[in-house]
Structures are given as C-alpha cells and as structure tokens.
C-alpha cells in the first residue's frame, strides 16, 4: 500500500487499481485507522514478551556451579597425582604402578576438562541469550510506556505491514524475538 494524502493520509493499493479482479482492488485504509491497529498488535506482543520475561539467572547459576565443581575435581585429581608421585619418590610404589595410576588420573583430568569447556561454552551462550532477552524486554517496556506508535518503534520492530480487507493487518517483524510463538505465552 502506498501512503497518499495531504492532511488526512490513507494507504491505497496502487498495484491493483487497474485490475478489478485483484483481491485488494479498491482497498484503502486511513492512517488514523491503521496506526491504532498496528499499535494494538505491538502492545499485545510487548505484553506477551514482558509476561514471559523469566530470568535465565538460575540457569547461569547452575552452570557457574558446574564450572566450579569441575575445577574443584581437576584440582583434587592433580593433588592425587602429586601424592602418587611422592609415593614413587619414597619408594612405596613401583614405576610401573605409578605410570598406570598416573595414566588413569590423566584420562580423568582430560575428561573433566572437556566437560568444563562444554559448560563454559554453554554458559557463554546463555549469557548472550540473556543479553538479547534483556534488550527485547527493554524494548517491550518502552512500547508499553510510550502509549502510542512512533517512528522509532516502527523502525526498531517492523519490517512491513500488510493490510487486508476487514481491517486485518499482518506484521512482518524485524526482531524475530518480539513475535513470540503462541506456545511461549
């Protein structure tokens, strides 16, 4: 739809003007009608976003705890390796026994370090997701607080608006997180 007018603007489907069989032939919607419809949709989405704004802090805390536990386990095994070496030096165990037991400790340390690395990667992803959610929530709060449609909100949230007969609108969102799936709210 193309915006036309001087004082009272309206949107008109200029492509279907020559084609009387087109579904949107003659479709016109006044800007004063479209803005409230679009804003109402944005506010509903913002309220849904704010309603689902559950903190990922508990997940972060769990991952931090796992990270700490893995670090503690590595230190404990390293202490066991040190004690094993002392036993070798004191002649309490043979070199062959030392190598066998040390190999077991080394394998366990490698396994735990891989788990630690995986948790660290997962934690970084959770933190990035949390930052993205916080930005989305701040924008949603701004939508609710603003009380009207503004160019800033439209530019931040909307890629395109489709208008259909019967005052039906479809919004193509720029910010995919803002258009929550029904299962999320």
N, C-alpha and C. Protein backbone atom coordinates (compact mmCIF):
# COMPACT_ATOMS: atom_id res chain seq x y z
N UNK A 1 0.85 -1.18 0.00
CA UNK A 1 0.00 0.00 0.00
C UNK A 1 0.89 1.24 0.00
N UNK A 2 0.44 2.21 -0.70
CA UNK A 2 1.19 3.46 -0.79
C UNK A 2 0.44 4.53 0.03
N UNK A 3 1.23 5.32 0.78
CA UNK A 3 0.65 6.38 1.62
C UNK A 3 0.42 7.60 0.74
N UNK A 4 -0.81 8.07 0.72
CA UNK A 4 -1.14 9.26 -0.07
C UNK A 4 -2.00 10.19 0.76
N UNK A 5 -2.03 11.45 0.36
CA UNK A 5 -2.87 12.43 1.03
C UNK A 5 -2.08 13.66 1.42
N UNK A 6 -2.82 14.67 1.91
CA UNK A 6 -2.20 15.91 2.35
C UNK A 6 -2.31 16.06 3.87
N UNK A 7 -3.55 16.14 4.34
CA UNK A 7 -3.76 16.27 5.78
C UNK A 7 -4.22 14.96 6.38
N UNK A 8 -5.18 14.33 5.74
CA UNK A 8 -5.69 13.04 6.20
C UNK A 8 -5.09 11.97 5.28
N UNK A 9 -4.07 11.32 5.76
CA UNK A 9 -3.38 10.32 4.95
C UNK A 9 -4.15 9.01 4.94
N UNK A 10 -3.97 8.29 3.84
CA UNK A 10 -4.55 6.95 3.73
C UNK A 10 -3.57 6.09 2.93
N UNK A 11 -3.76 4.79 3.04
CA UNK A 11 -2.94 3.84 2.31
C UNK A 11 -3.82 3.19 1.26
N UNK A 12 -3.30 3.13 0.02
CA UNK A 12 -4.06 2.62 -1.11
C UNK A 12 -3.19 1.61 -1.85
N UNK A 13 -3.84 0.54 -2.32
CA UNK A 13 -3.12 -0.45 -3.12
C UNK A 13 -3.10 0.06 -4.56
N UNK A 14 -1.97 0.61 -4.97
CA UNK A 14 -1.86 1.20 -6.30
C UNK A 14 -1.66 0.14 -7.38
N UNK A 15 -1.16 -1.03 -7.00
CA UNK A 15 -0.90 -2.08 -7.98
C UNK A 15 -2.18 -2.73 -8.49
N UNK A 16 -3.21 -2.72 -7.67
CA UNK A 16 -4.45 -3.39 -8.07
C UNK A 16 -5.48 -2.43 -8.66
N UNK A 17 -5.15 -1.15 -8.71
CA UNK A 17 -6.10 -0.17 -9.26
C UNK A 17 -6.58 -0.54 -10.66
N UNK A 18 -5.66 -0.91 -11.57
CA UNK A 18 -6.13 -1.25 -12.92
C UNK A 18 -6.76 -2.64 -13.00
N UNK A 19 -6.55 -3.48 -12.00
CA UNK A 19 -7.06 -4.86 -12.04
C UNK A 19 -8.23 -5.01 -11.07
N UNK A 20 -9.43 -4.95 -11.59
CA UNK A 20 -10.63 -5.02 -10.74
C UNK A 20 -10.85 -6.41 -10.16
N UNK A 21 -10.12 -7.42 -10.65
CA UNK A 21 -10.29 -8.78 -10.11
C UNK A 21 -9.32 -9.05 -8.95
N UNK A 22 -8.37 -8.15 -8.72
CA UNK A 22 -7.41 -8.34 -7.63
C UNK A 22 -8.11 -8.30 -6.29
N UNK A 23 -7.64 -9.11 -5.36
CA UNK A 23 -8.24 -9.21 -4.03
C UNK A 23 -8.20 -7.87 -3.30
N UNK A 24 -7.17 -7.08 -3.56
CA UNK A 24 -7.06 -5.81 -2.84
C UNK A 24 -7.51 -4.62 -3.70
N UNK A 25 -8.23 -4.88 -4.78
CA UNK A 25 -8.71 -3.80 -5.64
C UNK A 25 -9.60 -2.85 -4.83
N UNK A 26 -9.24 -1.60 -4.86
CA UNK A 26 -10.03 -0.59 -4.17
C UNK A 26 -9.78 -0.55 -2.67
N UNK A 27 -8.82 -1.33 -2.19
CA UNK A 27 -8.54 -1.35 -0.75
C UNK A 27 -7.89 -0.04 -0.35
N UNK A 28 -8.50 0.60 0.60
CA UNK A 28 -7.99 1.84 1.17
C UNK A 28 -8.17 1.75 2.67
N UNK A 29 -7.17 2.18 3.39
CA UNK A 29 -7.29 2.24 4.84
C UNK A 29 -6.70 3.56 5.30
N UNK A 30 -7.44 4.26 6.10
CA UNK A 30 -6.97 5.55 6.60
C UNK A 30 -5.85 5.32 7.61
N UNK A 31 -4.89 6.22 7.59
CA UNK A 31 -3.78 6.13 8.52
C UNK A 31 -4.28 6.16 9.96
N UNK A 32 -5.32 6.94 10.19
CA UNK A 32 -5.88 7.04 11.54
C UNK A 32 -6.51 5.72 11.99
N UNK A 33 -6.86 4.84 11.05
CA UNK A 33 -7.39 3.52 11.40
C UNK A 33 -6.25 2.49 11.53
N UNK A 34 -5.26 2.63 10.66
CA UNK A 34 -4.17 1.65 10.63
C UNK A 34 -3.25 1.77 11.85
N UNK A 35 -2.91 3.00 12.24
CA UNK A 35 -2.00 3.18 13.36
C UNK A 35 -2.49 2.50 14.65
N UNK A 36 -3.73 2.68 15.05
CA UNK A 36 -4.18 2.01 16.27
C UNK A 36 -4.17 0.48 16.15
N UNK A 37 -4.48 -0.04 14.97
CA UNK A 37 -4.44 -1.49 14.77
C UNK A 37 -3.01 -2.02 14.94
N UNK A 38 -2.06 -1.32 14.33
CA UNK A 38 -0.66 -1.73 14.41
C UNK A 38 -0.17 -1.58 15.85
N UNK A 39 -0.48 -0.46 16.48
CA UNK A 39 -0.01 -0.24 17.85
C UNK A 39 -0.62 -1.27 18.81
N UNK A 40 -1.87 -1.57 18.63
CA UNK A 40 -2.53 -2.57 19.48
C UNK A 40 -1.83 -3.93 19.36
N UNK A 41 -1.46 -4.29 18.15
CA UNK A 41 -0.75 -5.55 17.93
C UNK A 41 0.63 -5.50 18.60
N UNK A 42 1.32 -4.39 18.46
CA UNK A 42 2.63 -4.24 19.08
C UNK A 42 2.52 -4.32 20.60
N UNK A 43 1.52 -3.66 21.16
CA UNK A 43 1.35 -3.67 22.62
C UNK A 43 1.05 -5.09 23.10
N UNK A 44 0.21 -5.83 22.39
CA UNK A 44 -0.09 -7.21 22.79
C UNK A 44 1.18 -8.05 22.79
N UNK A 45 2.00 -7.88 21.75
CA UNK A 45 3.26 -8.62 21.69
C UNK A 45 4.18 -8.19 22.83
N UNK A 46 4.24 -6.88 23.10
CA UNK A 46 5.10 -6.38 24.18
C UNK A 46 4.64 -6.94 25.52
N UNK A 47 3.34 -6.99 25.75
CA UNK A 47 2.82 -7.55 27.00
C UNK A 47 3.14 -9.03 27.10
N UNK A 48 3.07 -9.73 25.99
CA UNK A 48 3.42 -11.16 25.98
C UNK A 48 4.91 -11.33 26.29
N UNK A 49 5.74 -10.48 25.69
CA UNK A 49 7.18 -10.54 25.95
C UNK A 49 7.45 -10.27 27.43
N UNK A 50 6.83 -9.25 27.97
CA UNK A 50 7.05 -8.91 29.38
C UNK A 50 6.50 -9.98 30.31
N UNK A 51 5.43 -10.63 29.88
CA UNK A 51 4.84 -11.71 30.68
C UNK A 51 5.70 -12.95 30.72
N UNK A 52 6.54 -13.12 29.72
CA UNK A 52 7.41 -14.31 29.67
C UNK A 52 8.84 -13.96 30.04
N UNK A 53 9.04 -12.81 30.61
CA UNK A 53 10.40 -12.35 30.92
C UNK A 53 10.94 -13.07 32.15
N UNK A 54 11.09 -14.37 32.05
CA UNK A 54 11.67 -15.15 33.14
C UNK A 54 13.18 -15.04 33.05
N UNK A 55 13.79 -14.88 34.18
CA UNK A 55 15.24 -14.69 34.20
C UNK A 55 15.97 -16.00 33.96
N UNK A 56 17.05 -15.90 33.21
CA UNK A 56 17.91 -17.05 32.99
C UNK A 56 18.99 -17.13 34.05
N UNK A 57 18.84 -16.34 35.12
CA UNK A 57 19.84 -16.29 36.17
C UNK A 57 20.03 -17.64 36.82
N UNK A 58 18.94 -18.36 37.08
CA UNK A 58 19.08 -19.65 37.74
C UNK A 58 19.87 -20.62 36.86
N UNK A 59 19.68 -20.57 35.57
CA UNK A 59 20.45 -21.42 34.66
C UNK A 59 21.91 -21.01 34.68
N UNK A 60 22.17 -19.72 34.71
CA UNK A 60 23.55 -19.25 34.79
C UNK A 60 24.20 -19.70 36.10
N UNK A 61 23.45 -19.58 37.18
CA UNK A 61 23.98 -20.01 38.47
C UNK A 61 24.31 -21.49 38.47
N UNK A 62 23.45 -22.29 37.88
CA UNK A 62 23.69 -23.73 37.78
C UNK A 62 24.96 -24.01 36.98
N UNK A 63 25.12 -23.31 35.86
CA UNK A 63 26.30 -23.51 35.03
C UNK A 63 27.57 -23.05 35.74
N UNK A 64 27.49 -21.93 36.46
CA UNK A 64 28.64 -21.48 37.25
C UNK A 64 29.01 -22.53 38.30
N UNK A 65 27.99 -23.10 38.93
CA UNK A 65 28.23 -24.12 39.96
C UNK A 65 28.90 -25.35 39.34
N UNK A 66 28.44 -25.77 38.16
CA UNK A 66 29.06 -26.90 37.48
C UNK A 66 30.52 -26.60 37.13
N UNK A 67 30.73 -25.39 36.65
CA UNK A 67 32.08 -24.97 36.28
C UNK A 67 33.00 -25.04 37.49
N UNK A 68 32.52 -24.51 38.62
CA UNK A 68 33.31 -24.56 39.85
C UNK A 68 33.56 -25.99 40.30
N UNK A 69 32.55 -26.84 40.19
CA UNK A 69 32.69 -28.24 40.60
C UNK A 69 33.73 -28.95 39.74
N UNK A 70 33.70 -28.72 38.43
CA UNK A 70 34.69 -29.35 37.56
C UNK A 70 36.10 -28.85 37.88
N UNK A 71 36.24 -27.57 38.16
CA UNK A 71 37.55 -27.03 38.53
C UNK A 71 38.03 -27.67 39.83
N UNK A 72 37.13 -27.83 40.78
CA UNK A 72 37.47 -28.46 42.05
C UNK A 72 37.91 -29.91 41.83
N UNK A 73 37.20 -30.62 40.96
CA UNK A 73 37.55 -32.02 40.68
C UNK A 73 38.93 -32.12 40.04
N UNK A 74 39.25 -31.22 39.13
CA UNK A 74 40.57 -31.23 38.48
C UNK A 74 41.65 -30.99 39.53
N UNK A 75 41.43 -30.01 40.41
CA UNK A 75 42.42 -29.74 41.46
C UNK A 75 42.60 -30.96 42.37
N UNK A 76 41.51 -31.62 42.71
CA UNK A 76 41.59 -32.80 43.59
C UNK A 76 42.39 -33.93 42.92
N UNK A 77 42.16 -34.15 41.64
CA UNK A 77 42.89 -35.20 40.92
C UNK A 77 44.37 -34.82 40.80
N UNK A 78 44.63 -33.55 40.56
CA UNK A 78 46.03 -33.10 40.49
C UNK A 78 46.72 -33.32 41.83
N UNK A 79 45.98 -33.11 42.92
CA UNK A 79 46.55 -33.37 44.25
C UNK A 79 46.81 -34.87 44.42
N UNK A 80 45.92 -35.71 43.91
CA UNK A 80 46.13 -37.16 43.98
C UNK A 80 47.36 -37.56 43.15
N UNK A 81 47.56 -36.93 42.01
CA UNK A 81 48.74 -37.21 41.18
C UNK A 81 50.02 -36.81 41.93
N UNK A 82 49.96 -35.66 42.60
CA UNK A 82 51.13 -35.22 43.37
C UNK A 82 51.45 -36.23 44.47
N UNK A 83 50.41 -36.67 45.17
CA UNK A 83 50.61 -37.66 46.24
C UNK A 83 51.15 -38.97 45.65
N UNK A 84 50.67 -39.34 44.49
CA UNK A 84 51.15 -40.56 43.82
C UNK A 84 52.64 -40.43 43.50
N UNK A 85 53.05 -39.26 43.02
CA UNK A 85 54.46 -39.04 42.71
C UNK A 85 55.30 -39.13 43.98
N UNK A 86 54.81 -38.57 45.07
CA UNK A 86 55.54 -38.65 46.35
C UNK A 86 55.72 -40.11 46.76
N UNK A 87 54.70 -40.91 46.56
CA UNK A 87 54.80 -42.34 46.88
C UNK A 87 55.87 -43.01 46.02
N UNK A 88 55.97 -42.60 44.75
CA UNK A 88 57.02 -43.14 43.87
C UNK A 88 58.40 -42.75 44.39
N UNK A 89 58.56 -41.47 44.72
CA UNK A 89 59.85 -40.95 45.19
C UNK A 89 60.24 -41.64 46.50
N UNK A 90 59.28 -41.89 47.37
CA UNK A 90 59.55 -42.54 48.66
C UNK A 90 59.74 -44.05 48.51
N UNK A 91 59.52 -44.56 47.32
CA UNK A 91 59.72 -45.98 47.06
C UNK A 91 58.56 -46.85 47.52
N UNK A 92 57.42 -46.25 47.78
CA UNK A 92 56.25 -47.01 48.23
C UNK A 92 55.58 -47.77 47.08
N UNK A 93 55.74 -47.28 45.85
CA UNK A 93 55.17 -47.96 44.68
C UNK A 93 56.23 -48.06 43.59
N UNK A 94 56.02 -49.00 42.68
CA UNK A 94 56.97 -49.18 41.58
C UNK A 94 56.68 -48.15 40.48
N UNK A 95 57.66 -47.99 39.59
CA UNK A 95 57.49 -47.05 38.47
C UNK A 95 56.35 -47.49 37.56
N UNK A 96 56.21 -48.80 37.38
CA UNK A 96 55.14 -49.34 36.54
C UNK A 96 53.76 -49.01 37.14
N UNK A 97 53.61 -49.21 38.46
CA UNK A 97 52.35 -48.87 39.13
C UNK A 97 52.07 -47.37 39.04
N UNK A 98 53.14 -46.58 39.20
CA UNK A 98 53.00 -45.13 39.11
C UNK A 98 52.46 -44.74 37.74
N UNK A 99 53.04 -45.26 36.67
CA UNK A 99 52.63 -44.91 35.30
C UNK A 99 51.18 -45.33 35.04
N UNK A 100 50.80 -46.50 35.51
CA UNK A 100 49.43 -46.97 35.31
C UNK A 100 48.43 -46.06 36.02
N UNK A 101 48.70 -45.76 37.28
CA UNK A 101 47.78 -44.92 38.04
C UNK A 101 47.77 -43.48 37.53
N UNK A 102 48.94 -43.00 37.14
CA UNK A 102 49.02 -41.64 36.58
C UNK A 102 48.22 -41.55 35.29
N UNK A 103 48.28 -42.59 34.46
CA UNK A 103 47.52 -42.61 33.21
C UNK A 103 46.02 -42.51 33.48
N UNK A 104 45.54 -43.21 34.49
CA UNK A 104 44.12 -43.14 34.86
C UNK A 104 43.76 -41.71 35.29
N UNK A 105 44.62 -41.10 36.12
CA UNK A 105 44.38 -39.73 36.57
C UNK A 105 44.38 -38.76 35.39
N UNK A 106 45.34 -38.94 34.47
CA UNK A 106 45.42 -38.05 33.30
C UNK A 106 44.17 -38.15 32.44
N UNK A 107 43.68 -39.36 32.24
CA UNK A 107 42.45 -39.55 31.45
C UNK A 107 41.27 -38.88 32.13
N UNK A 108 41.18 -39.01 33.44
CA UNK A 108 40.07 -38.40 34.17
C UNK A 108 40.15 -36.87 34.12
N UNK A 109 41.34 -36.34 34.24
CA UNK A 109 41.51 -34.88 34.14
C UNK A 109 41.09 -34.40 32.75
N UNK A 110 41.51 -35.11 31.72
CA UNK A 110 41.14 -34.73 30.35
C UNK A 110 39.62 -34.76 30.18
N UNK A 111 38.97 -35.79 30.70
CA UNK A 111 37.51 -35.90 30.60
C UNK A 111 36.83 -34.73 31.32
N UNK A 112 37.28 -34.42 32.52
CA UNK A 112 36.67 -33.34 33.29
C UNK A 112 36.94 -31.99 32.64
N UNK A 113 38.13 -31.80 32.09
CA UNK A 113 38.43 -30.54 31.40
C UNK A 113 37.55 -30.36 30.17
N UNK A 114 37.22 -31.43 29.48
CA UNK A 114 36.31 -31.35 28.33
C UNK A 114 34.91 -30.96 28.80
N UNK A 115 34.48 -31.54 29.91
CA UNK A 115 33.18 -31.17 30.48
C UNK A 115 33.17 -29.70 30.89
N UNK A 116 34.27 -29.26 31.50
CA UNK A 116 34.40 -27.87 31.92
C UNK A 116 34.31 -26.94 30.71
N UNK A 117 34.99 -27.30 29.64
CA UNK A 117 34.97 -26.49 28.42
C UNK A 117 33.56 -26.43 27.82
N UNK A 118 32.86 -27.56 27.83
CA UNK A 118 31.48 -27.59 27.30
C UNK A 118 30.57 -26.69 28.14
N UNK A 119 30.72 -26.74 29.45
CA UNK A 119 29.90 -25.91 30.33
C UNK A 119 30.24 -24.43 30.12
N UNK A 120 31.51 -24.13 29.92
CA UNK A 120 31.93 -22.75 29.68
C UNK A 120 31.31 -22.22 28.39
N UNK A 121 31.29 -23.04 27.35
CA UNK A 121 30.67 -22.66 26.08
C UNK A 121 29.17 -22.45 26.26
N UNK A 122 28.53 -23.36 26.97
CA UNK A 122 27.10 -23.26 27.22
C UNK A 122 26.79 -22.00 28.04
N UNK A 123 27.62 -21.70 29.01
CA UNK A 123 27.43 -20.51 29.84
C UNK A 123 27.54 -19.24 29.00
N UNK A 124 28.50 -19.20 28.11
CA UNK A 124 28.65 -18.03 27.23
C UNK A 124 27.41 -17.84 26.37
N UNK A 125 26.85 -18.94 25.86
CA UNK A 125 25.64 -18.85 25.04
C UNK A 125 24.45 -18.36 25.88
N UNK A 126 24.32 -18.87 27.08
CA UNK A 126 23.22 -18.46 27.97
C UNK A 126 23.35 -16.97 28.28
N UNK A 127 24.57 -16.50 28.51
CA UNK A 127 24.77 -15.08 28.80
C UNK A 127 24.42 -14.21 27.60
N UNK A 128 24.78 -14.64 26.40
CA UNK A 128 24.40 -13.89 25.19
C UNK A 128 22.89 -13.88 25.02
N UNK A 129 22.25 -15.03 25.24
CA UNK A 129 20.80 -15.11 25.13
C UNK A 129 20.13 -14.19 26.15
N UNK A 130 20.68 -14.14 27.34
CA UNK A 130 20.13 -13.28 28.39
C UNK A 130 20.26 -11.81 28.00
N UNK A 131 21.37 -11.42 27.41
CA UNK A 131 21.54 -10.04 26.96
C UNK A 131 20.52 -9.70 25.88
N UNK A 132 20.31 -10.65 24.95
CA UNK A 132 19.33 -10.43 23.88
C UNK A 132 17.93 -10.31 24.47
N UNK A 133 17.60 -11.15 25.43
CA UNK A 133 16.28 -11.09 26.06
C UNK A 133 16.10 -9.78 26.82
N UNK A 134 17.15 -9.33 27.49
CA UNK A 134 17.05 -8.06 28.22
C UNK A 134 16.79 -6.90 27.27
N UNK A 135 17.46 -6.90 26.12
CA UNK A 135 17.23 -5.85 25.12
C UNK A 135 15.80 -5.91 24.61
N UNK A 136 15.31 -7.13 24.35
CA UNK A 136 13.93 -7.31 23.89
C UNK A 136 12.96 -6.82 24.96
N UNK A 137 13.22 -7.15 26.21
CA UNK A 137 12.33 -6.75 27.30
C UNK A 137 12.32 -5.24 27.50
N UNK A 138 13.49 -4.61 27.35
CA UNK A 138 13.55 -3.16 27.47
C UNK A 138 12.74 -2.49 26.36
N UNK A 139 12.83 -3.04 25.16
CA UNK A 139 12.06 -2.51 24.05
C UNK A 139 10.57 -2.71 24.29
N UNK A 140 10.20 -3.88 24.81
CA UNK A 140 8.79 -4.16 25.11
C UNK A 140 8.27 -3.19 26.16
N UNK A 141 9.09 -2.93 27.18
CA UNK A 141 8.67 -1.98 28.21
C UNK A 141 8.50 -0.58 27.63
N UNK A 142 9.38 -0.23 26.70
CA UNK A 142 9.28 1.08 26.04
C UNK A 142 7.98 1.19 25.24
N UNK A 143 7.60 0.09 24.57
CA UNK A 143 6.34 0.07 23.82
C UNK A 143 5.17 0.35 24.75
N UNK A 144 5.14 -0.34 25.88
CA UNK A 144 4.04 -0.19 26.83
C UNK A 144 4.05 1.21 27.43
N UNK A 145 5.23 1.73 27.77
CA UNK A 145 5.34 3.05 28.39
C UNK A 145 5.03 4.19 27.44
N UNK A 146 5.36 4.04 26.15
CA UNK A 146 5.19 5.11 25.18
C UNK A 146 3.73 5.49 25.00
N UNK A 147 2.87 4.51 24.89
CA UNK A 147 1.44 4.78 24.77
C UNK A 147 0.97 5.14 23.37
N UNK A 148 1.85 5.18 22.42
CA UNK A 148 1.44 5.47 21.05
C UNK A 148 2.50 4.93 20.08
N UNK A 149 2.12 4.84 18.85
CA UNK A 149 3.03 4.38 17.80
C UNK A 149 3.97 5.52 17.43
N UNK A 150 5.26 5.22 17.37
CA UNK A 150 6.23 6.23 16.98
C UNK A 150 7.11 5.69 15.87
N UNK A 151 7.75 6.59 15.17
CA UNK A 151 8.64 6.18 14.09
C UNK A 151 9.78 5.33 14.64
N UNK A 152 10.25 5.64 15.85
CA UNK A 152 11.33 4.87 16.46
C UNK A 152 10.91 3.42 16.70
N UNK A 153 9.70 3.22 17.21
CA UNK A 153 9.20 1.86 17.45
C UNK A 153 9.02 1.11 16.15
N UNK A 154 8.44 1.78 15.17
CA UNK A 154 8.24 1.15 13.87
C UNK A 154 9.57 0.74 13.27
N UNK A 155 10.54 1.64 13.30
CA UNK A 155 11.86 1.34 12.74
C UNK A 155 12.55 0.20 13.47
N UNK A 156 12.36 0.11 14.78
CA UNK A 156 13.02 -0.93 15.57
C UNK A 156 12.35 -2.29 15.42
N UNK A 157 11.03 -2.31 15.22
CA UNK A 157 10.30 -3.56 15.30
C UNK A 157 9.73 -4.10 13.99
N UNK A 158 9.35 -3.21 13.08
CA UNK A 158 8.53 -3.64 11.95
C UNK A 158 9.30 -3.58 10.63
N UNK A 159 9.26 -4.69 9.94
CA UNK A 159 9.83 -4.76 8.59
C UNK A 159 8.78 -4.27 7.58
N UNK A 160 7.56 -4.76 7.75
CA UNK A 160 6.49 -4.49 6.78
C UNK A 160 5.14 -4.74 7.45
N UNK A 161 4.13 -4.03 6.99
CA UNK A 161 2.76 -4.24 7.46
C UNK A 161 1.90 -4.52 6.24
N UNK A 162 1.15 -5.61 6.31
CA UNK A 162 0.20 -5.94 5.25
C UNK A 162 -1.19 -5.64 5.77
N UNK A 163 -1.98 -4.95 4.96
CA UNK A 163 -3.36 -4.65 5.33
C UNK A 163 -4.28 -5.44 4.42
N UNK A 164 -5.31 -6.01 5.01
CA UNK A 164 -6.28 -6.82 4.26
C UNK A 164 -7.67 -6.27 4.50
N UNK A 165 -8.61 -6.62 3.63
CA UNK A 165 -9.98 -6.17 3.83
C UNK A 165 -10.48 -6.58 5.23
N UNK A 166 -11.33 -5.74 5.79
CA UNK A 166 -11.89 -6.02 7.11
C UNK A 166 -10.96 -5.58 8.23
N UNK A 167 -10.14 -4.59 7.95
CA UNK A 167 -9.20 -4.06 8.94
C UNK A 167 -8.32 -5.13 9.58
N UNK A 168 -7.92 -6.10 8.80
CA UNK A 168 -6.99 -7.11 9.27
C UNK A 168 -5.59 -6.69 8.85
N UNK A 169 -4.65 -6.81 9.78
CA UNK A 169 -3.28 -6.45 9.48
C UNK A 169 -2.37 -7.62 9.84
N UNK A 170 -1.29 -7.73 9.10
CA UNK A 170 -0.26 -8.71 9.37
C UNK A 170 1.06 -7.95 9.46
N UNK A 171 1.80 -8.21 10.52
CA UNK A 171 3.06 -7.50 10.73
C UNK A 171 4.22 -8.47 10.49
N UNK A 172 5.16 -8.05 9.68
CA UNK A 172 6.41 -8.79 9.49
C UNK A 172 7.42 -8.10 10.39
N UNK A 173 7.88 -8.82 11.41
CA UNK A 173 8.75 -8.24 12.43
C UNK A 173 10.20 -8.23 12.00
N UNK A 174 10.91 -7.17 12.35
CA UNK A 174 12.36 -7.13 12.17
C UNK A 174 13.01 -7.97 13.26
N UNK A 175 12.48 -7.86 14.43
CA UNK A 175 13.04 -8.52 15.61
C UNK A 175 12.24 -9.80 15.84
N UNK A 176 12.75 -10.91 15.39
CA UNK A 176 12.00 -12.18 15.48
C UNK A 176 11.64 -12.55 16.91
N UNK A 177 12.48 -12.19 17.88
CA UNK A 177 12.19 -12.49 19.28
C UNK A 177 10.95 -11.76 19.78
N UNK A 178 10.61 -10.67 19.11
CA UNK A 178 9.47 -9.88 19.57
C UNK A 178 8.16 -10.55 19.19
N UNK A 179 8.17 -11.36 18.16
CA UNK A 179 6.97 -12.08 17.73
C UNK A 179 7.01 -13.47 18.35
N UNK A 180 6.59 -13.55 19.59
CA UNK A 180 6.64 -14.82 20.30
C UNK A 180 5.66 -15.80 19.72
N UNK A 181 6.05 -17.07 19.77
CA UNK A 181 5.14 -18.13 19.37
C UNK A 181 4.06 -18.25 20.42
N UNK A 182 2.91 -18.73 20.03
CA UNK A 182 1.80 -18.88 20.96
C UNK A 182 2.18 -19.78 22.13
N UNK A 183 3.03 -20.77 21.91
CA UNK A 183 3.41 -21.68 22.98
C UNK A 183 4.27 -20.98 24.04
N UNK A 184 4.80 -19.80 23.73
CA UNK A 184 5.66 -19.12 24.69
C UNK A 184 4.87 -18.24 25.65
N UNK A 185 3.58 -17.96 25.35
CA UNK A 185 2.83 -17.14 26.29
C UNK A 185 1.46 -17.68 26.56
